[in-house]
Amino acid sequence: MENTFLYLSSCSTCVRIINELEIQGAAYLQDVKKQKITPDQLAFLYAHTDSYETLINKRGRVYAQLKKEGKPFSESTYKALLDQEYSCLKRPILIWNDKVFLGNSKATVAQMKLALHG
């Protein structure tokens, strides 16, 4: 899989992490609002996490609304959400040298920095 940093440009946390990682303007940045996650990328992420649920942003408005409505969730529901709604993707996600770094915890950001800069 090609090295990619999946983020949302309107997410202040993502922007802060991009600045912290010193990757502003890098060719591998992919704003999921402007350039949707590809089926190949989603399949790659699923292969590394064994779960679509792990890839879901559970703080997002779309997810919260569905949960409030009492919609049942299954792996196929999560996959459909990821296919249809960019804001449902947990972010940021760094795919680097076939490794996946998912989320914005301090430990994950430190691992991203180590992977990118050694």
N, C-alpha and C. Protein backbone atom coordinates (compact mmCIF):
# COMPACT_ATOMS: atom_id res chain seq x y z
N MET A 1 0.85 -1.18 0.00
CA MET A 1 0.00 0.00 0.00
C MET A 1 0.89 1.24 0.00
N GLU A 2 0.47 2.23 -0.75
CA GLU A 2 1.21 3.49 -0.86
C GLU A 2 1.18 4.24 0.47
N ASN A 3 2.28 4.89 0.83
CA ASN A 3 2.34 5.69 2.05
C ASN A 3 1.33 6.82 1.95
N THR A 4 0.50 6.93 2.99
CA THR A 4 -0.60 7.90 2.98
C THR A 4 -0.87 8.38 4.40
N PHE A 5 -1.25 9.64 4.53
CA PHE A 5 -1.72 10.18 5.79
C PHE A 5 -3.14 10.65 5.56
N LEU A 6 -4.11 9.91 6.08
CA LEU A 6 -5.53 10.23 5.93
C LEU A 6 -5.95 11.16 7.06
N TYR A 7 -6.55 12.28 6.70
CA TYR A 7 -6.95 13.27 7.70
C TYR A 7 -8.15 14.06 7.18
N LEU A 8 -8.66 14.91 8.02
CA LEU A 8 -9.76 15.81 7.64
C LEU A 8 -9.27 17.23 7.88
N SER A 9 -9.26 18.04 6.83
CA SER A 9 -8.69 19.39 6.92
C SER A 9 -9.46 20.30 7.88
N SER A 10 -10.72 20.01 8.11
CA SER A 10 -11.50 20.83 9.04
C SER A 10 -11.38 20.36 10.49
N CYS A 11 -10.58 19.34 10.72
CA CYS A 11 -10.37 18.80 12.07
C CYS A 11 -9.13 19.46 12.67
N SER A 12 -9.31 20.25 13.71
CA SER A 12 -8.18 20.96 14.31
C SER A 12 -7.15 20.01 14.90
N THR A 13 -7.59 18.86 15.39
CA THR A 13 -6.65 17.88 15.92
C THR A 13 -5.76 17.33 14.81
N CYS A 14 -6.36 17.04 13.65
CA CYS A 14 -5.57 16.55 12.52
C CYS A 14 -4.55 17.59 12.08
N VAL A 15 -4.97 18.84 12.00
CA VAL A 15 -4.07 19.92 11.59
C VAL A 15 -2.93 20.06 12.60
N ARG A 16 -3.25 19.98 13.88
CA ARG A 16 -2.22 20.07 14.93
C ARG A 16 -1.21 18.94 14.78
N ILE A 17 -1.69 17.73 14.51
CA ILE A 17 -0.81 16.57 14.37
C ILE A 17 0.06 16.70 13.12
N ILE A 18 -0.52 17.18 12.03
CA ILE A 18 0.28 17.41 10.81
C ILE A 18 1.42 18.38 11.11
N ASN A 19 1.13 19.44 11.85
CA ASN A 19 2.17 20.40 12.22
C ASN A 19 3.20 19.76 13.15
N GLU A 20 2.73 18.98 14.10
CA GLU A 20 3.64 18.32 15.04
C GLU A 20 4.56 17.34 14.31
N LEU A 21 4.02 16.64 13.30
CA LEU A 21 4.82 15.68 12.53
C LEU A 21 5.67 16.36 11.47
N GLU A 22 5.44 17.66 11.27
CA GLU A 22 6.18 18.46 10.28
C GLU A 22 6.03 17.89 8.87
N ILE A 23 4.77 17.62 8.49
CA ILE A 23 4.50 17.05 7.16
C ILE A 23 3.55 17.94 6.34
N GLN A 24 3.47 19.22 6.69
CA GLN A 24 2.62 20.15 5.95
C GLN A 24 3.04 20.12 4.48
N GLY A 25 2.07 20.00 3.59
CA GLY A 25 2.34 20.04 2.16
C GLY A 25 2.93 18.77 1.58
N ALA A 26 3.05 17.73 2.37
CA ALA A 26 3.62 16.46 1.86
C ALA A 26 2.70 15.86 0.80
N ALA A 27 3.30 15.21 -0.17
CA ALA A 27 2.55 14.64 -1.29
C ALA A 27 1.62 13.51 -0.86
N TYR A 28 1.90 12.88 0.25
CA TYR A 28 1.11 11.73 0.69
C TYR A 28 -0.06 12.11 1.60
N LEU A 29 -0.31 13.40 1.82
CA LEU A 29 -1.47 13.82 2.60
C LEU A 29 -2.74 13.63 1.79
N GLN A 30 -3.77 13.07 2.42
CA GLN A 30 -5.04 12.84 1.74
C GLN A 30 -6.18 13.32 2.63
N ASP A 31 -6.77 14.43 2.24
CA ASP A 31 -7.94 14.97 2.95
C ASP A 31 -9.15 14.14 2.53
N VAL A 32 -9.70 13.35 3.46
CA VAL A 32 -10.77 12.42 3.11
C VAL A 32 -12.07 13.12 2.72
N LYS A 33 -12.17 14.40 3.00
CA LYS A 33 -13.35 15.15 2.57
C LYS A 33 -13.26 15.46 1.07
N LYS A 34 -12.06 15.75 0.60
CA LYS A 34 -11.84 16.10 -0.81
C LYS A 34 -11.52 14.87 -1.66
N GLN A 35 -10.83 13.91 -1.09
CA GLN A 35 -10.44 12.70 -1.81
C GLN A 35 -10.82 11.50 -0.95
N LYS A 36 -11.97 10.95 -1.23
CA LYS A 36 -12.54 9.86 -0.45
C LYS A 36 -11.58 8.67 -0.31
N ILE A 37 -11.67 7.99 0.80
CA ILE A 37 -10.88 6.78 0.99
C ILE A 37 -11.26 5.77 -0.09
N THR A 38 -10.27 5.12 -0.67
CA THR A 38 -10.53 4.18 -1.76
C THR A 38 -10.91 2.81 -1.21
N PRO A 39 -11.59 2.01 -2.01
CA PRO A 39 -11.89 0.65 -1.57
C PRO A 39 -10.62 -0.15 -1.24
N ASP A 40 -9.54 0.07 -2.00
CA ASP A 40 -8.28 -0.62 -1.70
C ASP A 40 -7.71 -0.20 -0.35
N GLN A 41 -7.77 1.11 -0.07
CA GLN A 41 -7.30 1.59 1.23
C GLN A 41 -8.13 1.01 2.36
N LEU A 42 -9.44 0.99 2.18
CA LEU A 42 -10.32 0.45 3.21
C LEU A 42 -10.06 -1.03 3.43
N ALA A 43 -9.86 -1.77 2.35
CA ALA A 43 -9.54 -3.21 2.47
C ALA A 43 -8.21 -3.41 3.19
N PHE A 44 -7.22 -2.57 2.88
CA PHE A 44 -5.91 -2.66 3.54
C PHE A 44 -6.06 -2.39 5.04
N LEU A 45 -6.80 -1.35 5.39
CA LEU A 45 -7.00 -1.02 6.80
C LEU A 45 -7.75 -2.14 7.53
N TYR A 46 -8.75 -2.70 6.86
CA TYR A 46 -9.50 -3.81 7.45
C TYR A 46 -8.58 -5.00 7.70
N ALA A 47 -7.69 -5.28 6.75
CA ALA A 47 -6.76 -6.41 6.88
C ALA A 47 -5.84 -6.22 8.08
N HIS A 48 -5.54 -4.97 8.43
CA HIS A 48 -4.64 -4.70 9.55
C HIS A 48 -5.37 -4.59 10.89
N THR A 49 -6.66 -4.33 10.86
CA THR A 49 -7.40 -4.16 12.11
C THR A 49 -8.37 -5.30 12.38
N ASP A 50 -8.72 -6.06 11.34
CA ASP A 50 -9.72 -7.14 11.43
C ASP A 50 -11.07 -6.66 11.91
N SER A 51 -11.34 -5.36 11.73
CA SER A 51 -12.62 -4.83 12.19
C SER A 51 -12.89 -3.48 11.54
N TYR A 52 -14.09 -3.34 10.98
CA TYR A 52 -14.50 -2.02 10.47
C TYR A 52 -14.86 -1.11 11.64
N GLU A 53 -15.34 -1.71 12.73
CA GLU A 53 -15.71 -0.91 13.90
C GLU A 53 -14.52 -0.13 14.44
N THR A 54 -13.33 -0.73 14.40
CA THR A 54 -12.11 -0.07 14.85
C THR A 54 -11.83 1.20 14.04
N LEU A 55 -12.28 1.23 12.80
CA LEU A 55 -12.02 2.35 11.90
C LEU A 55 -13.06 3.46 12.00
N ILE A 56 -14.06 3.27 12.87
CA ILE A 56 -15.16 4.23 13.00
C ILE A 56 -14.83 5.31 14.03
N ASN A 57 -15.13 6.55 13.66
CA ASN A 57 -15.04 7.68 14.58
C ASN A 57 -16.34 7.71 15.39
N LYS A 58 -16.28 7.24 16.61
CA LYS A 58 -17.50 7.14 17.42
C LYS A 58 -17.89 8.46 18.07
N ARG A 59 -17.10 9.50 17.82
CA ARG A 59 -17.44 10.83 18.33
C ARG A 59 -18.14 11.68 17.27
N GLY A 60 -18.25 11.15 16.08
CA GLY A 60 -18.84 11.90 14.97
C GLY A 60 -20.34 12.04 15.09
N ARG A 61 -20.87 13.08 14.43
CA ARG A 61 -22.31 13.36 14.49
C ARG A 61 -23.15 12.30 13.81
N VAL A 62 -22.68 11.79 12.68
CA VAL A 62 -23.46 10.78 11.95
C VAL A 62 -23.61 9.52 12.79
N TYR A 63 -22.52 9.06 13.36
CA TYR A 63 -22.55 7.87 14.22
C TYR A 63 -23.46 8.12 15.43
N ALA A 64 -23.30 9.28 16.06
CA ALA A 64 -24.11 9.60 17.25
C ALA A 64 -25.59 9.61 16.91
N GLN A 65 -25.95 10.16 15.75
CA GLN A 65 -27.35 10.21 15.34
C GLN A 65 -27.91 8.80 15.12
N LEU A 66 -27.15 7.95 14.45
CA LEU A 66 -27.60 6.58 14.22
C LEU A 66 -27.76 5.82 15.54
N LYS A 67 -26.84 6.04 16.44
CA LYS A 67 -26.92 5.38 17.74
C LYS A 67 -28.15 5.87 18.51
N LYS A 68 -28.40 7.17 18.43
CA LYS A 68 -29.56 7.76 19.10
C LYS A 68 -30.87 7.18 18.54
N GLU A 69 -30.88 6.93 17.24
CA GLU A 69 -32.05 6.35 16.59
C GLU A 69 -32.22 4.87 16.90
N GLY A 70 -31.24 4.29 17.57
CA GLY A 70 -31.33 2.88 17.94
C GLY A 70 -31.02 1.92 16.80
N LYS A 71 -30.31 2.39 15.81
CA LYS A 71 -29.95 1.53 14.67
C LYS A 71 -29.02 0.42 15.15
N PRO A 72 -29.25 -0.80 14.67
CA PRO A 72 -28.34 -1.90 15.03
C PRO A 72 -27.03 -1.77 14.24
N PHE A 73 -25.92 -2.07 14.88
CA PHE A 73 -24.62 -1.99 14.23
C PHE A 73 -24.03 -3.37 14.05
N SER A 74 -23.48 -3.59 12.87
CA SER A 74 -22.76 -4.83 12.55
C SER A 74 -21.56 -4.43 11.71
N GLU A 75 -20.69 -5.37 11.42
CA GLU A 75 -19.53 -5.07 10.58
C GLU A 75 -19.97 -4.53 9.22
N SER A 76 -21.05 -5.06 8.67
CA SER A 76 -21.51 -4.57 7.37
C SER A 76 -22.06 -3.14 7.48
N THR A 77 -22.67 -2.82 8.61
CA THR A 77 -23.15 -1.45 8.85
C THR A 77 -21.97 -0.50 8.93
N TYR A 78 -20.94 -0.90 9.67
CA TYR A 78 -19.74 -0.06 9.80
C TYR A 78 -19.07 0.15 8.44
N LYS A 79 -18.98 -0.91 7.65
CA LYS A 79 -18.37 -0.81 6.32
C LYS A 79 -19.16 0.16 5.44
N ALA A 80 -20.48 0.04 5.48
CA ALA A 80 -21.33 0.94 4.70
C ALA A 80 -21.14 2.39 5.13
N LEU A 81 -21.04 2.63 6.43
CA LEU A 81 -20.80 3.99 6.93
C LEU A 81 -19.49 4.53 6.40
N LEU A 82 -18.45 3.71 6.42
CA LEU A 82 -17.14 4.14 5.94
C LEU A 82 -17.15 4.41 4.44
N ASP A 83 -17.93 3.64 3.70
CA ASP A 83 -18.05 3.85 2.26
C ASP A 83 -18.82 5.12 1.92
N GLN A 84 -19.81 5.46 2.75
CA GLN A 84 -20.72 6.55 2.42
C GLN A 84 -20.36 7.90 3.04
N GLU A 85 -19.78 7.89 4.22
CA GLU A 85 -19.63 9.14 4.97
C GLU A 85 -18.19 9.32 5.46
N TYR A 86 -17.49 10.29 4.87
CA TYR A 86 -16.08 10.53 5.21
C TYR A 86 -15.88 10.85 6.68
N SER A 87 -16.85 11.50 7.32
CA SER A 87 -16.68 11.90 8.71
C SER A 87 -16.74 10.73 9.69
N CYS A 88 -17.14 9.56 9.21
CA CYS A 88 -17.20 8.38 10.07
C CYS A 88 -15.85 7.69 10.23
N LEU A 89 -14.87 8.10 9.43
CA LEU A 89 -13.54 7.48 9.51
C LEU A 89 -12.77 8.05 10.69
N LYS A 90 -12.27 7.15 11.54
CA LYS A 90 -11.42 7.56 12.64
C LYS A 90 -10.17 8.19 12.03
N ARG A 91 -9.68 9.25 12.64
CA ARG A 91 -8.55 9.93 12.04
C ARG A 91 -7.69 10.58 13.10
N PRO A 92 -6.48 10.90 12.73
CA PRO A 92 -5.83 10.61 11.46
C PRO A 92 -5.38 9.16 11.39
N ILE A 93 -5.06 8.75 10.18
CA ILE A 93 -4.51 7.42 9.94
C ILE A 93 -3.27 7.58 9.08
N LEU A 94 -2.17 7.02 9.57
CA LEU A 94 -0.94 7.00 8.80
C LEU A 94 -0.70 5.57 8.32
N ILE A 95 -0.58 5.43 7.01
CA ILE A 95 -0.16 4.15 6.42
C ILE A 95 1.27 4.40 5.95
N TRP A 96 2.22 3.74 6.60
CA TRP A 96 3.62 4.01 6.31
C TRP A 96 4.40 2.69 6.28
N ASN A 97 4.99 2.41 5.15
CA ASN A 97 5.76 1.17 4.96
C ASN A 97 4.95 -0.05 5.39
N ASP A 98 3.69 -0.09 4.94
CA ASP A 98 2.75 -1.18 5.20
C ASP A 98 2.39 -1.37 6.68
N LYS A 99 2.62 -0.35 7.49
CA LYS A 99 2.17 -0.36 8.88
C LYS A 99 1.07 0.69 9.00
N VAL A 100 0.16 0.46 9.95
CA VAL A 100 -0.98 1.36 10.15
C VAL A 100 -0.91 1.97 11.55
N PHE A 101 -1.02 3.30 11.60
CA PHE A 101 -1.07 4.04 12.85
C PHE A 101 -2.41 4.77 12.85
N LEU A 102 -3.26 4.44 13.81
CA LEU A 102 -4.66 4.86 13.80
C LEU A 102 -5.00 5.67 15.04
N GLY A 103 -5.46 6.89 14.83
CA GLY A 103 -5.96 7.69 15.94
C GLY A 103 -5.03 8.82 16.33
N ASN A 104 -5.42 9.51 17.40
CA ASN A 104 -4.71 10.73 17.77
C ASN A 104 -4.18 10.72 19.20
N SER A 105 -4.05 9.55 19.80
CA SER A 105 -3.50 9.49 21.16
C SER A 105 -2.03 9.92 21.12
N LYS A 106 -1.53 10.38 22.25
CA LYS A 106 -0.13 10.82 22.32
C LYS A 106 0.81 9.69 21.91
N ALA A 107 0.53 8.48 22.37
CA ALA A 107 1.38 7.33 22.05
C ALA A 107 1.38 7.05 20.55
N THR A 108 0.21 7.12 19.93
CA THR A 108 0.10 6.87 18.48
C THR A 108 0.84 7.94 17.70
N VAL A 109 0.69 9.21 18.10
CA VAL A 109 1.37 10.30 17.41
C VAL A 109 2.89 10.13 17.56
N ALA A 110 3.35 9.71 18.71
CA ALA A 110 4.78 9.46 18.92
C ALA A 110 5.27 8.33 18.00
N GLN A 111 4.45 7.29 17.83
CA GLN A 111 4.81 6.20 16.91
C GLN A 111 4.84 6.69 15.47
N MET A 112 3.88 7.55 15.10
CA MET A 112 3.88 8.14 13.76
C MET A 112 5.17 8.92 13.51
N LYS A 113 5.54 9.74 14.51
CA LYS A 113 6.74 10.56 14.38
C LYS A 113 7.98 9.68 14.20
N LEU A 114 8.07 8.62 14.98
CA LEU A 114 9.19 7.70 14.87
C LEU A 114 9.23 7.02 13.50
N ALA A 115 8.07 6.61 13.00
CA ALA A 115 8.00 5.96 11.69
C ALA A 115 8.41 6.92 10.57
N LEU A 116 7.98 8.17 10.67
CA LEU A 116 8.27 9.15 9.62
C LEU A 116 9.70 9.68 9.65
N HIS A 117 10.21 9.91 10.85
CA HIS A 117 11.49 10.61 10.98
C HIS A 117 12.61 9.77 11.60
N GLY A 118 12.26 8.56 12.01
CA GLY A 118 13.28 7.69 12.59
C GLY A 118 13.68 8.02 14.00
